[in-house]
Amino acid sequence: MADVWKADDEVINTMKDLIAKFHPHLAVCDDEIAVLFKEKASEVGDVVIAGKSAKAPALIAVLGEIKYKFVITLAADVWQDLDSKEKVALLDHHLCACRAVENPQTGESKFSLAPPDVAFYKGEIERHGLWRTSGAAPSATLMKEIFGDDKP
């Protein structure tokens, strides 16, 4: 198993800044989001997975003093090759998955993960256009922007 370690203060502060600016619903748990690094990115097929968002398992609360709500695990080998804007975007991407909804009657928050707003395959779009929304065929420029030149 690859080495895993906690993110440094710079990464945590960036995460908290993103929460303050764009994810105020997560302010109730910003100290309960663990950001970890693992040595090497995993791959699914030929797609490199730069990070993963997950609900924190209850076991973590038993092992430590903090009852984490979420765990964001980033691939250190990918992270080191990103520029500062890309690092912020990757963290923001994973925060977008994290949801905290307060019950107005009890004041308790419920924590969950949301899937991405967009999920599709290149072949699907090539054959059927943007069938989930407008139904229009995307321009070649948009396809290249999303998929690059060589993605199957």
Protein backbone atom coordinates (compact mmCIF):
# COMPACT_ATOMS: atom_id res chain seq x y z
CA MET A 1 0.00 0.00 0.00
CA ALA A 2 1.27 3.47 -0.87
CA ASP A 3 2.25 5.94 1.80
CA VAL A 4 -0.49 8.32 2.93
CA TRP A 5 -0.05 11.58 4.83
CA LYS A 6 -2.00 14.63 5.97
CA ALA A 7 -1.97 17.75 3.82
CA ASP A 8 0.09 20.66 5.09
CA ASP A 9 -1.32 23.93 6.42
CA GLU A 10 -1.11 25.64 3.03
CA VAL A 11 -3.47 23.08 1.48
CA ILE A 12 -5.82 23.17 4.49
CA ASN A 13 -5.91 26.97 4.40
CA THR A 14 -6.68 26.88 0.67
CA MET A 15 -9.51 24.44 1.38
CA LYS A 16 -10.90 26.69 4.13
CA ASP A 17 -10.66 29.72 1.86
CA LEU A 18 -12.64 27.85 -0.82
CA ILE A 19 -15.25 26.91 1.76
CA ALA A 20 -15.59 30.52 2.92
CA LYS A 21 -15.93 31.80 -0.66
CA PHE A 22 -17.91 29.11 -2.44
CA HIS A 23 -19.11 26.42 -0.04
CA PRO A 24 -20.62 28.18 3.00
CA HIS A 25 -22.75 25.11 3.75
CA LEU A 26 -19.49 23.33 4.69
CA ALA A 27 -18.50 25.96 7.29
CA VAL A 28 -20.17 23.77 9.93
CA CYS A 29 -17.56 21.09 9.31
CA ASP A 30 -14.50 22.78 7.82
CA ASP A 31 -12.35 21.42 10.65
CA GLU A 32 -13.83 17.96 10.04
CA ILE A 33 -12.69 17.52 6.45
CA ALA A 34 -9.50 15.51 6.25
CA VAL A 35 -7.27 16.24 3.28
CA LEU A 36 -4.77 13.49 2.66
CA PHE A 37 -2.17 12.74 0.04
CA LYS A 38 -1.27 9.36 -1.31
CA GLU A 39 1.96 8.74 -3.15
CA LYS A 40 0.64 7.76 -6.56
CA ALA A 41 -2.55 8.32 -8.50
CA SER A 42 -4.72 5.33 -9.25
CA GLU A 43 -5.93 4.67 -12.77
CA VAL A 44 -9.20 3.41 -14.17
CA GLY A 45 -8.45 2.18 -17.65
CA ASP A 46 -6.29 4.94 -19.09
CA VAL A 47 -7.79 7.68 -16.91
CA VAL A 48 -5.62 9.00 -14.08
CA ILE A 49 -7.59 9.64 -10.89
CA ALA A 50 -6.12 12.80 -9.34
CA GLY A 51 -8.20 12.57 -6.18
CA LYS A 52 -11.22 11.15 -4.45
CA SER A 53 -13.90 12.52 -2.13
CA ALA A 54 -15.52 10.22 0.40
CA LYS A 55 -17.61 10.34 3.53
CA ALA A 56 -15.34 9.63 6.44
CA PRO A 57 -15.87 6.17 7.88
CA ALA A 58 -16.94 6.04 11.54
CA LEU A 59 -13.76 4.10 12.30
CA ILE A 60 -11.71 7.31 11.94
CA ALA A 61 -13.48 8.85 14.95
CA VAL A 62 -12.46 5.85 17.04
CA LEU A 63 -8.81 6.21 16.03
CA GLY A 64 -8.51 9.97 16.49
CA GLU A 65 -9.91 12.92 18.36
CA ILE A 66 -11.72 14.48 15.41
CA LYS A 67 -14.96 13.06 14.06
CA TYR A 68 -14.27 13.71 10.38
CA LYS A 69 -17.23 14.09 8.05
CA PHE A 70 -15.32 13.84 4.75
CA VAL A 71 -11.98 12.63 3.48
CA ILE A 72 -10.43 14.12 0.36
CA THR A 73 -7.50 12.05 -0.88
CA LEU A 74 -5.23 13.64 -3.48
CA ALA A 75 -2.56 11.96 -5.59
CA ALA A 76 0.78 13.56 -4.72
CA ASP A 77 2.37 12.63 -8.05
CA VAL A 78 -0.38 14.53 -9.90
CA TRP A 79 -0.50 17.40 -7.39
CA GLN A 80 3.21 18.17 -7.79
CA ASP A 81 2.72 18.70 -11.54
CA LEU A 82 -0.21 21.12 -11.16
CA ASP A 83 0.17 24.87 -11.10
CA SER A 84 -1.42 26.85 -8.26
CA LYS A 85 -4.68 27.51 -10.16
CA GLU A 86 -5.05 23.84 -11.02
CA LYS A 87 -4.45 22.86 -7.38
CA VAL A 88 -7.20 25.22 -6.26
CA ALA A 89 -9.52 23.85 -8.96
CA LEU A 90 -8.84 20.24 -7.91
CA LEU A 91 -9.60 21.03 -4.25
CA ASP A 92 -12.73 22.94 -5.28
CA HIS A 93 -13.85 19.99 -7.42
CA HIS A 94 -13.73 17.70 -4.40
CA LEU A 95 -15.45 20.20 -2.13
CA CYS A 96 -18.28 20.42 -4.68
CA ALA A 97 -19.04 16.76 -3.91
CA CYS A 98 -19.34 17.38 -0.17
CA ARG A 99 -22.80 18.33 1.07
CA ALA A 100 -23.98 19.46 4.48
CA VAL A 101 -27.69 20.15 4.93
CA GLU A 102 -29.01 21.43 8.24
CA ASN A 103 -32.34 20.19 9.56
CA PRO A 104 -34.12 23.43 10.56
CA GLN A 105 -36.08 21.73 13.34
CA THR A 106 -33.22 19.93 15.07
CA GLY A 107 -30.27 22.07 13.96
CA GLU A 108 -28.37 18.89 13.14
CA SER A 109 -26.57 18.60 9.83
CA LYS A 110 -26.73 15.65 7.48
CA PHE A 111 -23.58 14.97 5.47
CA SER A 112 -23.51 13.33 2.05
CA LEU A 113 -21.69 13.19 -1.26
CA ALA A 114 -23.20 14.40 -4.50
CA PRO A 115 -22.27 13.04 -7.93
CA PRO A 116 -20.86 15.46 -10.52
CA ASP A 117 -23.40 17.56 -12.40
CA VAL A 118 -22.10 16.28 -15.73
CA ALA A 119 -21.23 12.71 -16.63
CA PHE A 120 -20.99 11.49 -20.19
CA TYR A 121 -18.77 9.67 -22.68
CA LYS A 122 -17.20 11.07 -25.84
CA GLY A 123 -18.88 8.42 -28.01
CA GLU A 124 -22.27 9.16 -26.48
CA ILE A 125 -21.94 12.87 -27.31
CA GLU A 126 -20.61 12.17 -30.81
CA ARG A 127 -23.56 9.86 -31.58
CA HIS A 128 -26.42 11.60 -29.78
CA GLY A 129 -25.34 15.19 -29.18
CA LEU A 130 -26.10 16.89 -25.87
CA TRP A 131 -29.25 14.79 -25.50
CA ARG A 132 -29.62 15.41 -21.76
CA THR A 133 -29.92 19.18 -22.16
CA SER A 134 -30.33 21.01 -25.47
CA GLY A 135 -30.09 18.01 -27.81
CA ALA A 136 -27.73 20.04 -30.02
CA ALA A 137 -24.62 18.58 -31.57
CA PRO A 138 -21.57 20.11 -29.87
CA SER A 139 -19.03 21.97 -31.98
CA ALA A 140 -15.71 20.35 -32.82
CA THR A 141 -14.05 23.06 -30.71
CA LEU A 142 -16.09 22.08 -27.64
CA MET A 143 -15.34 18.40 -28.19
CA LYS A 144 -11.62 19.13 -28.45
CA GLU A 145 -11.78 21.38 -25.38
CA ILE A 146 -13.47 18.67 -23.31
CA PHE A 147 -11.79 15.53 -24.62
CA GLY A 148 -8.55 16.70 -26.26
CA ASP A 149 -7.37 15.12 -29.49
CA ASP A 150 -6.69 11.53 -28.49
CA LYS A 151 -9.32 10.48 -25.94
CA PRO A 152 -11.43 7.51 -27.05
